[in-house]
Amino acid sequence: MKRTKAAAQETRNRILDAAEQIFVARGVAAATLSEIADTASVTRGAIYGHFANKSELFAAIIERAGLPVESLAKQVAKVPETDVLAHLHKVFAQSLHDVSRSPRTWRIFAIVFRKYAMADESCPVLMRCRRAADELQTSLRIALRHAVRGGQLPRDLDVEFASSLFVVLWNGVFLARLSSSPMADVQHDEAGRIAQGWLDVLRHSPACRGKEQVR
């Protein structure tokens, strides 16, 4: 029984590994289960023994690897009410550095941001990505409001805009590196400069100012 379970898990992992490879090369929509089966050296029937369809297979890939934005949202949510900006700087810089050094994470970014094209709005992966992005935005807004109340940021900061700017910058760093394989590493000093640049924009740019003050 143990041998059977181990063999089934090994086959499942081979299928997931092959699907990652094919999805990166061709995109989710263009990839076929036959290609994945050939790459994994299994039959199509073996794939159906583990996954009902291609959407479920992709969801399993994401479940195994996780979404970097989910981890980032959890770290941002741990922000203390004092010295908020130091916490955000550390979390943002560390995330940029760590994500860029993970080959599997590079593949997930490549699939989701450049290759992923499925029309079904109810696709589990699409819903999970949106939910994670919403959680990050919520955590950021709470953190930024703490920073405003603590006098670290202008009282008229447009918190909604500032949190959106963070997400755009975070995603943009990786999108700019997806043309290289594996993803070009974001060194610690570079990640720190990027994080500091975002915080400096929040402090000094008129574009980040709103009409209402945070209370």
N, C-alpha and C. Protein backbone atom coordinates (compact mmCIF):
# COMPACT_ATOMS: atom_id res chain seq x y z
N MET A 1 0.82 -1.20 0.00
CA MET A 1 0.00 0.00 0.00
C MET A 1 0.87 1.27 0.00
N LYS A 2 1.91 1.28 0.86
CA LYS A 2 2.79 2.44 0.91
C LYS A 2 3.50 2.65 -0.43
N ARG A 3 3.91 1.52 -1.05
CA ARG A 3 4.60 1.60 -2.33
C ARG A 3 3.66 2.16 -3.40
N THR A 4 2.39 1.75 -3.36
CA THR A 4 1.41 2.22 -4.33
C THR A 4 1.16 3.71 -4.18
N LYS A 5 1.04 4.15 -2.94
CA LYS A 5 0.83 5.58 -2.70
C LYS A 5 2.04 6.40 -3.13
N ALA A 6 3.22 5.90 -2.86
CA ALA A 6 4.44 6.59 -3.24
C ALA A 6 4.56 6.69 -4.76
N ALA A 7 4.20 5.61 -5.45
CA ALA A 7 4.26 5.61 -6.91
C ALA A 7 3.26 6.59 -7.50
N ALA A 8 2.07 6.63 -6.90
CA ALA A 8 1.04 7.56 -7.38
C ALA A 8 1.49 9.00 -7.19
N GLN A 9 2.12 9.28 -6.04
CA GLN A 9 2.60 10.64 -5.77
C GLN A 9 3.73 11.01 -6.72
N GLU A 10 4.60 10.04 -7.02
CA GLU A 10 5.70 10.30 -7.94
C GLU A 10 5.17 10.61 -9.34
N THR A 11 4.15 9.87 -9.76
CA THR A 11 3.53 10.13 -11.07
C THR A 11 2.88 11.50 -11.09
N ARG A 12 2.19 11.83 -10.02
CA ARG A 12 1.53 13.14 -9.93
C ARG A 12 2.56 14.27 -10.04
N ASN A 13 3.67 14.13 -9.34
CA ASN A 13 4.70 15.16 -9.38
C ASN A 13 5.32 15.28 -10.77
N ARG A 14 5.49 14.15 -11.46
CA ARG A 14 6.02 14.18 -12.82
C ARG A 14 5.08 14.94 -13.75
N ILE A 15 3.79 14.70 -13.56
CA ILE A 15 2.79 15.40 -14.38
C ILE A 15 2.83 16.90 -14.11
N LEU A 16 2.92 17.28 -12.84
CA LEU A 16 2.98 18.70 -12.49
C LEU A 16 4.24 19.34 -13.05
N ASP A 17 5.36 18.66 -12.93
CA ASP A 17 6.62 19.19 -13.46
C ASP A 17 6.54 19.39 -14.97
N ALA A 18 5.96 18.41 -15.65
CA ALA A 18 5.83 18.49 -17.10
C ALA A 18 4.88 19.62 -17.49
N ALA A 19 3.79 19.76 -16.75
CA ALA A 19 2.82 20.81 -17.05
C ALA A 19 3.44 22.19 -16.87
N GLU A 20 4.23 22.37 -15.81
CA GLU A 20 4.93 23.64 -15.63
C GLU A 20 5.78 23.96 -16.85
N GLN A 21 6.53 22.99 -17.29
CA GLN A 21 7.42 23.17 -18.43
C GLN A 21 6.64 23.55 -19.70
N ILE A 22 5.56 22.83 -19.97
CA ILE A 22 4.77 23.09 -21.17
C ILE A 22 4.03 24.42 -21.07
N PHE A 23 3.49 24.73 -19.90
CA PHE A 23 2.75 25.98 -19.74
C PHE A 23 3.67 27.19 -19.92
N VAL A 24 4.90 27.08 -19.43
CA VAL A 24 5.85 28.19 -19.61
C VAL A 24 6.18 28.37 -21.10
N ALA A 25 6.37 27.25 -21.79
CA ALA A 25 6.77 27.30 -23.20
C ALA A 25 5.63 27.73 -24.12
N ARG A 26 4.40 27.27 -23.84
CA ARG A 26 3.31 27.47 -24.79
C ARG A 26 2.11 28.22 -24.23
N GLY A 27 2.06 28.37 -22.93
CA GLY A 27 0.88 28.98 -22.34
C GLY A 27 -0.15 27.93 -21.98
N VAL A 28 -1.01 28.25 -21.04
CA VAL A 28 -2.00 27.28 -20.57
C VAL A 28 -3.01 26.97 -21.66
N ALA A 29 -3.50 27.99 -22.33
CA ALA A 29 -4.55 27.79 -23.32
C ALA A 29 -4.07 26.95 -24.50
N ALA A 30 -2.83 27.15 -24.94
CA ALA A 30 -2.32 26.45 -26.12
C ALA A 30 -1.81 25.05 -25.80
N ALA A 31 -1.45 24.80 -24.56
CA ALA A 31 -0.91 23.49 -24.19
C ALA A 31 -1.98 22.41 -24.28
N THR A 32 -1.57 21.20 -24.57
CA THR A 32 -2.50 20.07 -24.62
C THR A 32 -2.09 19.02 -23.60
N LEU A 33 -3.07 18.25 -23.18
CA LEU A 33 -2.77 17.18 -22.24
C LEU A 33 -1.89 16.11 -22.87
N SER A 34 -1.99 15.95 -24.18
CA SER A 34 -1.13 14.98 -24.87
C SER A 34 0.34 15.39 -24.77
N GLU A 35 0.60 16.70 -24.94
CA GLU A 35 1.97 17.19 -24.80
C GLU A 35 2.50 16.96 -23.39
N ILE A 36 1.64 17.25 -22.42
CA ILE A 36 2.04 17.08 -21.03
C ILE A 36 2.31 15.60 -20.73
N ALA A 37 1.45 14.73 -21.24
CA ALA A 37 1.62 13.30 -21.01
C ALA A 37 2.93 12.80 -21.63
N ASP A 38 3.22 13.24 -22.85
CA ASP A 38 4.46 12.83 -23.51
C ASP A 38 5.68 13.30 -22.72
N THR A 39 5.64 14.55 -22.24
CA THR A 39 6.77 15.10 -21.50
C THR A 39 6.96 14.38 -20.17
N ALA A 40 5.85 13.99 -19.55
CA ALA A 40 5.92 13.30 -18.26
C ALA A 40 6.12 11.79 -18.41
N SER A 41 6.11 11.31 -19.66
CA SER A 41 6.23 9.87 -19.94
C SER A 41 5.12 9.07 -19.27
N VAL A 42 3.90 9.61 -19.39
CA VAL A 42 2.72 8.90 -18.88
C VAL A 42 1.64 8.94 -19.97
N THR A 43 0.55 8.25 -19.74
CA THR A 43 -0.57 8.29 -20.68
C THR A 43 -1.53 9.41 -20.31
N ARG A 44 -2.39 9.80 -21.25
CA ARG A 44 -3.44 10.77 -20.93
C ARG A 44 -4.33 10.24 -19.82
N GLY A 45 -4.54 8.92 -19.84
CA GLY A 45 -5.36 8.32 -18.79
C GLY A 45 -4.76 8.52 -17.41
N ALA A 46 -3.42 8.48 -17.34
CA ALA A 46 -2.76 8.71 -16.05
C ALA A 46 -3.01 10.13 -15.56
N ILE A 47 -3.02 11.09 -16.49
CA ILE A 47 -3.31 12.48 -16.11
C ILE A 47 -4.72 12.58 -15.56
N TYR A 48 -5.69 11.95 -16.27
CA TYR A 48 -7.08 12.00 -15.81
C TYR A 48 -7.27 11.24 -14.50
N GLY A 49 -6.35 10.38 -14.18
CA GLY A 49 -6.43 9.69 -12.90
C GLY A 49 -6.13 10.62 -11.73
N HIS A 50 -5.48 11.76 -12.04
CA HIS A 50 -5.13 12.72 -10.99
C HIS A 50 -5.87 14.05 -11.13
N PHE A 51 -6.18 14.43 -12.36
CA PHE A 51 -6.77 15.76 -12.61
C PHE A 51 -7.92 15.65 -13.60
N ALA A 52 -9.01 16.35 -13.30
CA ALA A 52 -10.20 16.25 -14.14
C ALA A 52 -10.02 16.97 -15.47
N ASN A 53 -9.24 18.05 -15.47
CA ASN A 53 -9.06 18.83 -16.69
C ASN A 53 -7.81 19.71 -16.54
N LYS A 54 -7.54 20.50 -17.55
CA LYS A 54 -6.33 21.33 -17.56
C LYS A 54 -6.40 22.43 -16.51
N SER A 55 -7.59 22.97 -16.29
CA SER A 55 -7.75 24.01 -15.28
C SER A 55 -7.41 23.47 -13.89
N GLU A 56 -7.86 22.25 -13.60
CA GLU A 56 -7.55 21.64 -12.30
C GLU A 56 -6.06 21.35 -12.17
N LEU A 57 -5.44 20.99 -13.27
CA LEU A 57 -4.00 20.73 -13.28
C LEU A 57 -3.23 22.01 -12.97
N PHE A 58 -3.63 23.10 -13.59
CA PHE A 58 -2.95 24.37 -13.32
C PHE A 58 -3.17 24.81 -11.87
N ALA A 59 -4.37 24.60 -11.37
CA ALA A 59 -4.65 24.94 -9.97
C ALA A 59 -3.74 24.15 -9.03
N ALA A 60 -3.47 22.89 -9.38
CA ALA A 60 -2.59 22.06 -8.55
C ALA A 60 -1.16 22.57 -8.59
N ILE A 61 -0.73 23.08 -9.74
CA ILE A 61 0.61 23.66 -9.85
C ILE A 61 0.73 24.86 -8.91
N ILE A 62 -0.28 25.71 -8.92
CA ILE A 62 -0.27 26.89 -8.05
C ILE A 62 -0.33 26.48 -6.59
N GLU A 63 -1.13 25.46 -6.29
CA GLU A 63 -1.25 25.00 -4.91
C GLU A 63 0.09 24.49 -4.41
N ARG A 64 0.82 23.79 -5.26
CA ARG A 64 2.12 23.25 -4.86
C ARG A 64 3.14 24.36 -4.66
N ALA A 65 3.17 25.33 -5.55
CA ALA A 65 4.19 26.38 -5.50
C ALA A 65 3.78 27.54 -4.61
N GLY A 66 2.48 27.82 -4.56
CA GLY A 66 2.01 29.00 -3.86
C GLY A 66 2.17 30.24 -4.72
N LEU A 67 1.44 31.28 -4.37
CA LEU A 67 1.56 32.56 -5.06
C LEU A 67 2.39 33.50 -4.20
N PRO A 68 3.45 34.09 -4.76
CA PRO A 68 4.28 35.01 -3.98
C PRO A 68 3.48 36.15 -3.36
N VAL A 69 2.44 36.59 -4.05
CA VAL A 69 1.66 37.71 -3.54
C VAL A 69 0.93 37.32 -2.25
N GLU A 70 0.61 36.03 -2.10
CA GLU A 70 -0.04 35.58 -0.88
C GLU A 70 0.91 35.69 0.31
N SER A 71 2.14 35.26 0.11
CA SER A 71 3.14 35.37 1.17
C SER A 71 3.41 36.83 1.51
N LEU A 72 3.50 37.67 0.48
CA LEU A 72 3.75 39.09 0.72
C LEU A 72 2.61 39.71 1.52
N ALA A 73 1.39 39.38 1.18
CA ALA A 73 0.23 39.94 1.90
C ALA A 73 0.28 39.57 3.38
N LYS A 74 0.66 38.33 3.68
CA LYS A 74 0.75 37.90 5.08
C LYS A 74 1.82 38.67 5.84
N GLN A 75 2.96 38.92 5.18
CA GLN A 75 4.04 39.66 5.83
C GLN A 75 3.66 41.12 6.05
N VAL A 76 3.01 41.72 5.06
CA VAL A 76 2.58 43.11 5.20
C VAL A 76 1.57 43.22 6.34
N ALA A 77 0.70 42.22 6.47
CA ALA A 77 -0.34 42.25 7.49
C ALA A 77 0.24 42.22 8.91
N LYS A 78 1.49 41.82 9.05
CA LYS A 78 2.13 41.77 10.37
C LYS A 78 2.73 43.11 10.78
N VAL A 79 2.44 44.15 10.04
CA VAL A 79 3.04 45.45 10.28
C VAL A 79 2.75 45.94 11.70
N PRO A 80 3.77 46.45 12.40
CA PRO A 80 3.53 47.04 13.73
C PRO A 80 2.95 48.44 13.56
N GLU A 81 2.32 48.96 14.58
CA GLU A 81 1.74 50.30 14.48
C GLU A 81 2.80 51.37 14.61
N THR A 82 4.00 51.00 15.03
CA THR A 82 5.11 51.94 15.09
C THR A 82 6.19 51.50 14.11
N ASP A 83 6.90 52.47 13.55
CA ASP A 83 7.96 52.20 12.57
C ASP A 83 7.44 51.36 11.42
N VAL A 84 6.30 51.78 10.90
CA VAL A 84 5.65 51.06 9.82
C VAL A 84 6.52 51.00 8.57
N LEU A 85 7.13 52.12 8.22
CA LEU A 85 7.89 52.19 6.98
C LEU A 85 9.11 51.28 6.99
N ALA A 86 9.74 51.12 8.14
CA ALA A 86 10.88 50.20 8.23
C ALA A 86 10.43 48.77 7.96
N HIS A 87 9.25 48.43 8.48
CA HIS A 87 8.70 47.09 8.25
C HIS A 87 8.38 46.89 6.76
N LEU A 88 7.72 47.86 6.15
CA LEU A 88 7.36 47.74 4.74
C LEU A 88 8.61 47.68 3.86
N HIS A 89 9.61 48.47 4.20
CA HIS A 89 10.86 48.45 3.44
C HIS A 89 11.49 47.05 3.50
N LYS A 90 11.55 46.49 4.69
CA LYS A 90 12.17 45.17 4.87
C LYS A 90 11.39 44.09 4.13
N VAL A 91 10.07 44.11 4.28
CA VAL A 91 9.23 43.08 3.66
C VAL A 91 9.29 43.17 2.14
N PHE A 92 9.19 44.38 1.62
CA PHE A 92 9.19 44.59 0.17
C PHE A 92 10.53 44.17 -0.42
N ALA A 93 11.62 44.63 0.16
CA ALA A 93 12.95 44.32 -0.36
C ALA A 93 13.24 42.82 -0.28
N GLN A 94 12.89 42.20 0.84
CA GLN A 94 13.15 40.76 0.99
C GLN A 94 12.34 39.95 -0.01
N SER A 95 11.10 40.37 -0.24
CA SER A 95 10.26 39.66 -1.19
C SER A 95 10.83 39.73 -2.60
N LEU A 96 11.27 40.92 -3.01
CA LEU A 96 11.86 41.08 -4.34
C LEU A 96 13.08 40.17 -4.50
N HIS A 97 13.90 40.14 -3.48
CA HIS A 97 15.12 39.33 -3.53
C HIS A 97 14.80 37.83 -3.55
N ASP A 98 13.93 37.39 -2.65
CA ASP A 98 13.65 35.97 -2.52
C ASP A 98 12.93 35.40 -3.74
N VAL A 99 11.93 36.13 -4.22
CA VAL A 99 11.15 35.61 -5.35
C VAL A 99 12.02 35.45 -6.59
N SER A 100 12.91 36.40 -6.82
CA SER A 100 13.74 36.35 -8.03
C SER A 100 14.73 35.20 -8.00
N ARG A 101 15.00 34.64 -6.82
CA ARG A 101 15.99 33.57 -6.70
C ARG A 101 15.37 32.17 -6.77
N SER A 102 14.05 32.09 -6.95
CA SER A 102 13.38 30.80 -6.98
C SER A 102 12.99 30.44 -8.42
N PRO A 103 13.61 29.42 -9.02
CA PRO A 103 13.25 29.03 -10.39
C PRO A 103 11.77 28.67 -10.53
N ARG A 104 11.22 27.98 -9.54
CA ARG A 104 9.80 27.62 -9.64
C ARG A 104 8.92 28.86 -9.61
N THR A 105 9.28 29.82 -8.77
CA THR A 105 8.50 31.05 -8.72
C THR A 105 8.60 31.80 -10.04
N TRP A 106 9.79 31.78 -10.64
CA TRP A 106 9.94 32.40 -11.97
C TRP A 106 8.97 31.77 -12.96
N ARG A 107 8.85 30.44 -12.93
CA ARG A 107 7.94 29.77 -13.85
C ARG A 107 6.49 30.16 -13.59
N ILE A 108 6.13 30.27 -12.31
CA ILE A 108 4.76 30.66 -11.98
C ILE A 108 4.46 32.06 -12.49
N PHE A 109 5.41 33.00 -12.29
CA PHE A 109 5.23 34.35 -12.81
C PHE A 109 5.10 34.33 -14.32
N ALA A 110 5.94 33.56 -14.98
CA ALA A 110 5.91 33.50 -16.44
C ALA A 110 4.57 33.00 -16.95
N ILE A 111 4.03 31.99 -16.28
CA ILE A 111 2.74 31.43 -16.70
C ILE A 111 1.61 32.42 -16.44
N VAL A 112 1.55 32.93 -15.22
CA VAL A 112 0.43 33.78 -14.81
C VAL A 112 0.43 35.10 -15.56
N PHE A 113 1.60 35.74 -15.68
CA PHE A 113 1.64 37.09 -16.22
C PHE A 113 1.84 37.17 -17.72
N ARG A 114 2.40 36.13 -18.33
CA ARG A 114 2.69 36.25 -19.75
C ARG A 114 2.06 35.16 -20.60
N LYS A 115 1.80 34.02 -20.01
CA LYS A 115 1.33 32.90 -20.81
C LYS A 115 -0.10 32.48 -20.49
N TYR A 116 -0.60 32.92 -19.35
CA TYR A 116 -1.89 32.41 -18.89
C TYR A 116 -3.02 33.11 -19.64
N ALA A 117 -3.82 32.35 -20.39
CA ALA A 117 -4.93 32.93 -21.14
C ALA A 117 -6.07 31.93 -21.19
N MET A 118 -6.99 32.06 -20.24
CA MET A 118 -8.18 31.24 -20.23
C MET A 118 -9.39 32.15 -20.11
N ALA A 119 -10.40 31.90 -20.90
CA ALA A 119 -11.54 32.81 -20.94
C ALA A 119 -12.48 32.63 -19.75
N ASP A 120 -12.43 31.50 -19.09
CA ASP A 120 -13.35 31.20 -18.00
C ASP A 120 -13.06 32.07 -16.79
N GLU A 121 -13.94 33.02 -16.51
CA GLU A 121 -13.74 33.93 -15.38
C GLU A 121 -13.83 33.22 -14.04
N SER A 122 -14.44 32.02 -14.02
CA SER A 122 -14.57 31.28 -12.76
C SER A 122 -13.39 30.33 -12.53
N CYS A 123 -12.37 30.39 -13.38
CA CYS A 123 -11.21 29.52 -13.22
C CYS A 123 -10.63 29.70 -11.82
N PRO A 124 -10.37 28.62 -11.10
CA PRO A 124 -9.87 28.72 -9.72
C PRO A 124 -8.58 29.53 -9.59
N VAL A 125 -7.67 29.39 -10.56
CA VAL A 125 -6.41 30.13 -10.47
C VAL A 125 -6.66 31.62 -10.61
N LEU A 126 -7.50 32.01 -11.56
CA LEU A 126 -7.80 33.42 -11.75
C LEU A 126 -8.45 34.00 -10.51
N MET A 127 -9.36 33.27 -9.92
CA MET A 127 -10.03 33.73 -8.71
C MET A 127 -9.04 33.83 -7.55
N ARG A 128 -8.13 32.87 -7.46
CA ARG A 128 -7.14 32.89 -6.38
C ARG A 128 -6.20 34.09 -6.53
N CYS A 129 -5.78 34.37 -7.76
CA CYS A 129 -4.90 35.53 -7.99
C CYS A 129 -5.59 36.82 -7.59
N ARG A 130 -6.84 36.96 -7.96
CA ARG A 130 -7.58 38.18 -7.62
C ARG A 130 -7.78 38.30 -6.12
N ARG A 131 -8.09 37.19 -5.47
CA ARG A 131 -8.29 37.21 -4.02
C ARG A 131 -7.00 37.59 -3.30
N ALA A 132 -5.87 37.05 -3.76
CA ALA A 132 -4.59 37.38 -3.15
C ALA A 132 -4.24 38.85 -3.35
N ALA A 133 -4.51 39.36 -4.55
CA ALA A 133 -4.23 40.78 -4.83
C ALA A 133 -5.09 41.67 -3.95
N ASP A 134 -6.34 41.30 -3.75
CA ASP A 134 -7.23 42.08 -2.88
C ASP A 134 -6.73 42.06 -1.43
N GLU A 135 -6.27 40.90 -0.98
CA GLU A 135 -5.75 40.79 0.39
C GLU A 135 -4.51 41.65 0.57
N LEU A 136 -3.64 41.68 -0.44
CA LEU A 136 -2.45 42.52 -0.35
C LEU A 136 -2.83 43.98 -0.29
N GLN A 137 -3.77 44.40 -1.14
CA GLN A 137 -4.19 45.80 -1.14
C GLN A 137 -4.78 46.19 0.22
N THR A 138 -5.57 45.30 0.80
CA THR A 138 -6.17 45.58 2.11
C THR A 138 -5.09 45.72 3.18
N SER A 139 -4.14 44.80 3.19
CA SER A 139 -3.05 44.86 4.17
C SER A 139 -2.23 46.13 4.00
N LEU A 140 -1.98 46.52 2.76
CA LEU A 140 -1.20 47.72 2.49
C LEU A 140 -1.94 48.97 2.95
N ARG A 141 -3.22 49.04 2.68
CA ARG A 141 -3.98 50.22 3.10
C ARG A 141 -3.96 50.38 4.62
N ILE A 142 -4.10 49.26 5.33
CA ILE A 142 -4.05 49.32 6.80
C ILE A 142 -2.67 49.81 7.26
N ALA A 143 -1.62 49.25 6.66
CA ALA A 143 -0.25 49.64 7.04
C ALA A 143 0.01 51.11 6.75
N LEU A 144 -0.41 51.57 5.60
CA LEU A 144 -0.17 52.97 5.22
C LEU A 144 -0.94 53.93 6.12
N ARG A 145 -2.13 53.55 6.51
CA ARG A 145 -2.90 54.41 7.42
C ARG A 145 -2.22 54.49 8.78
N HIS A 146 -1.63 53.38 9.24
CA HIS A 146 -0.85 53.42 10.48
C HIS A 146 0.33 54.40 10.32
N ALA A 147 0.98 54.35 9.16
CA ALA A 147 2.13 55.22 8.93
C ALA A 147 1.71 56.69 8.90
N VAL A 148 0.56 56.97 8.35
CA VAL A 148 0.06 58.35 8.31
C VAL A 148 -0.25 58.82 9.74
N ARG A 149 -0.95 58.00 10.49
CA ARG A 149 -1.29 58.39 11.86
C ARG A 149 -0.04 58.57 12.72
N GLY A 150 1.01 57.82 12.41
CA GLY A 150 2.25 57.93 13.16
C GLY A 150 3.15 59.05 12.69
N GLY A 151 2.71 59.80 11.69
CA GLY A 151 3.49 60.94 11.21
C GLY A 151 4.62 60.55 10.26
N GLN A 152 4.65 59.31 9.79
CA GLN A 152 5.70 58.88 8.87
C GLN A 152 5.39 59.23 7.42
N LEU A 153 4.14 59.45 7.13
CA LEU A 153 3.71 59.82 5.78
C LEU A 153 2.77 61.02 5.86
N PRO A 154 2.62 61.78 4.77
CA PRO A 154 1.76 62.98 4.79
C PRO A 154 0.33 62.63 5.17
N ARG A 155 -0.31 63.52 5.89
CA ARG A 155 -1.67 63.27 6.36
C ARG A 155 -2.67 63.23 5.21
N ASP A 156 -2.33 63.85 4.10
CA ASP A 156 -3.25 63.83 2.96
C ASP A 156 -2.84 62.80 1.91
N LEU A 157 -2.08 61.77 2.32
CA LEU A 157 -1.68 60.72 1.40
C LEU A 157 -2.92 60.03 0.82
N ASP A 158 -2.92 59.82 -0.48
CA ASP A 158 -3.98 59.05 -1.12
C ASP A 158 -3.63 57.57 -0.92
N VAL A 159 -4.19 56.98 0.11
CA VAL A 159 -3.83 55.62 0.51
C VAL A 159 -4.19 54.61 -0.58
N GLU A 160 -5.34 54.78 -1.21
CA GLU A 160 -5.75 53.85 -2.26
C GLU A 160 -4.75 53.86 -3.41
N PHE A 161 -4.36 55.06 -3.84
CA PHE A 161 -3.40 55.19 -4.93
C PHE A 161 -2.04 54.64 -4.53
N ALA A 162 -1.62 54.93 -3.31
CA ALA A 162 -0.30 54.51 -2.84
C ALA A 162 -0.20 52.99 -2.77
N SER A 163 -1.26 52.33 -2.32
CA SER A 163 -1.23 50.87 -2.25
C SER A 163 -1.23 50.26 -3.65
N SER A 164 -1.96 50.86 -4.57
CA SER A 164 -1.97 50.37 -5.95
C SER A 164 -0.60 50.56 -6.59
N LEU A 165 0.05 51.67 -6.28
CA LEU A 165 1.38 51.95 -6.82
C LEU A 165 2.38 50.90 -6.35
N PHE A 166 2.26 50.49 -5.10
CA PHE A 166 3.12 49.44 -4.56
C PHE A 166 3.00 48.15 -5.38
N VAL A 167 1.76 47.73 -5.62
CA VAL A 167 1.53 46.48 -6.34
C VAL A 167 2.05 46.57 -7.77
N VAL A 168 1.83 47.71 -8.42
CA VAL A 168 2.32 47.90 -9.78
C VAL A 168 3.84 47.81 -9.82
N LEU A 169 4.50 48.43 -8.86
CA LEU A 169 5.96 48.39 -8.82
C LEU A 169 6.47 46.99 -8.54
N TRP A 170 5.86 46.31 -7.58
CA TRP A 170 6.28 44.95 -7.22
C TRP A 170 6.16 44.01 -8.41
N ASN A 171 5.00 44.03 -9.07
CA ASN A 171 4.82 43.19 -10.25
C ASN A 171 5.76 43.60 -11.38
N GLY A 172 5.93 44.92 -11.54
CA GLY A 172 6.74 45.42 -12.64
C GLY A 172 8.19 45.00 -12.57
N VAL A 173 8.74 44.89 -11.37
CA VAL A 173 10.12 44.46 -11.21
C VAL A 173 10.31 43.08 -11.82
N PHE A 174 9.38 42.18 -11.57
CA PHE A 174 9.50 40.82 -12.08
C PHE A 174 9.16 40.73 -13.57
N LEU A 175 8.16 41.49 -13.99
CA LEU A 175 7.81 41.47 -15.41
C LEU A 175 8.98 41.94 -16.27
N ALA A 176 9.74 42.90 -15.76
CA ALA A 176 10.89 43.41 -16.50
C ALA A 176 11.99 42.37 -16.64
N ARG A 177 11.95 41.34 -15.78
CA ARG A 177 13.00 40.33 -15.79
C ARG A 177 12.57 39.01 -16.42
N LEU A 178 11.33 38.92 -16.85
CA LEU A 178 10.84 37.65 -17.38
C LEU A 178 11.44 37.29 -18.73
N SER A 179 12.10 38.24 -19.38
CA SER A 179 12.71 37.92 -20.67
C SER A 179 13.96 37.07 -20.50
N SER A 180 14.48 37.01 -19.28
CA SER A 180 15.65 36.18 -19.02
C SER A 180 15.21 34.89 -18.34
N SER A 181 15.97 33.82 -18.56
CA SER A 181 15.63 32.54 -17.96
C SER A 181 16.91 31.87 -17.45
N PRO A 182 17.04 31.62 -16.15
CA PRO A 182 16.05 31.95 -15.14
C PRO A 182 15.96 33.46 -14.90
N MET A 183 14.97 33.85 -14.14
CA MET A 183 14.76 35.27 -13.89
C MET A 183 16.01 35.91 -13.31
N ALA A 184 16.35 37.10 -13.83
CA ALA A 184 17.52 37.82 -13.32
C ALA A 184 17.35 38.10 -11.84
N ASP A 185 18.36 37.80 -11.07
CA ASP A 185 18.32 37.95 -9.62
C ASP A 185 18.23 39.42 -9.24
N VAL A 186 17.38 39.72 -8.25
CA VAL A 186 17.32 41.05 -7.67
C VAL A 186 18.20 41.02 -6.43
N GLN A 187 19.37 41.65 -6.50
CA GLN A 187 20.30 41.64 -5.39
C GLN A 187 19.74 42.42 -4.20
N HIS A 188 20.29 42.14 -3.00
CA HIS A 188 19.80 42.78 -1.79
C HIS A 188 19.86 44.29 -1.88
N ASP A 189 20.99 44.84 -2.36
CA ASP A 189 21.11 46.29 -2.39
C ASP A 189 20.16 46.91 -3.41
N GLU A 190 19.94 46.23 -4.54
CA GLU A 190 19.01 46.74 -5.54
C GLU A 190 17.58 46.69 -5.01
N ALA A 191 17.23 45.58 -4.35
CA ALA A 191 15.89 45.46 -3.79
C ALA A 191 15.64 46.55 -2.75
N GLY A 192 16.64 46.83 -1.94
CA GLY A 192 16.51 47.88 -0.94
C GLY A 192 16.31 49.25 -1.57
N ARG A 193 17.01 49.53 -2.66
CA ARG A 193 16.87 50.82 -3.35
C ARG A 193 15.47 50.96 -3.96
N ILE A 194 14.97 49.86 -4.53
CA ILE A 194 13.63 49.90 -5.12
C ILE A 194 12.59 50.18 -4.04
N ALA A 195 12.71 49.46 -2.92
CA ALA A 195 11.78 49.67 -1.81
C ALA A 195 11.86 51.09 -1.29
N GLN A 196 13.07 51.61 -1.13
CA GLN A 196 13.23 52.98 -0.63
C GLN A 196 12.67 53.99 -1.62
N GLY A 197 12.84 53.71 -2.91
CA GLY A 197 12.30 54.62 -3.92
C GLY A 197 10.80 54.74 -3.83
N TRP A 198 10.13 53.61 -3.62
CA TRP A 198 8.67 53.65 -3.47
C TRP A 198 8.26 54.48 -2.26
N LEU A 199 8.93 54.27 -1.14
CA LEU A 199 8.61 55.02 0.07
C LEU A 199 8.88 56.51 -0.11
N ASP A 200 9.96 56.86 -0.82
CA ASP A 200 10.27 58.26 -1.06
C ASP A 200 9.20 58.92 -1.92
N VAL A 201 8.68 58.18 -2.88
CA VAL A 201 7.60 58.71 -3.71
C VAL A 201 6.38 59.01 -2.85
N LEU A 202 6.05 58.13 -1.94
CA LEU A 202 4.89 58.34 -1.06
C LEU A 202 5.08 59.58 -0.19
N ARG A 203 6.31 59.81 0.24
CA ARG A 203 6.58 60.95 1.11
C ARG A 203 6.53 62.29 0.36
N HIS A 204 7.03 62.29 -0.88
CA HIS A 204 7.32 63.58 -1.51
C HIS A 204 6.54 63.88 -2.79
N SER A 205 5.97 62.89 -3.45
CA SER A 205 5.32 63.16 -4.73
C SER A 205 3.93 63.76 -4.56
N PRO A 206 3.65 64.89 -5.20
CA PRO A 206 2.31 65.48 -5.15
C PRO A 206 1.25 64.53 -5.75
N ALA A 207 1.66 63.66 -6.65
CA ALA A 207 0.72 62.73 -7.27
C ALA A 207 0.12 61.76 -6.26
N CYS A 208 0.79 61.58 -5.11
CA CYS A 208 0.30 60.64 -4.09
C CYS A 208 -0.56 61.32 -3.04
N ARG A 209 -0.83 62.59 -3.22
CA ARG A 209 -1.63 63.32 -2.24
C ARG A 209 -3.12 63.25 -2.61
N GLY A 210 -3.96 63.14 -1.59
CA GLY A 210 -5.41 63.12 -1.81
C GLY A 210 -6.07 64.30 -1.15
N LYS A 211 -7.39 64.39 -1.27
CA LYS A 211 -8.12 65.52 -0.70
C LYS A 211 -8.50 65.28 0.75
N GLU A 212 -8.67 64.02 1.14
CA GLU A 212 -9.11 63.73 2.51
C GLU A 212 -7.93 63.28 3.37
N GLN A 213 -7.95 63.68 4.62
CA GLN A 213 -6.89 63.28 5.54
C GLN A 213 -7.27 62.00 6.27
N VAL A 214 -6.29 61.16 6.51
CA VAL A 214 -6.51 59.92 7.26
C VAL A 214 -6.71 60.28 8.72
N ARG A 215 -7.72 59.72 9.34
CA ARG A 215 -7.99 59.98 10.76
C ARG A 215 -7.71 58.74 11.58
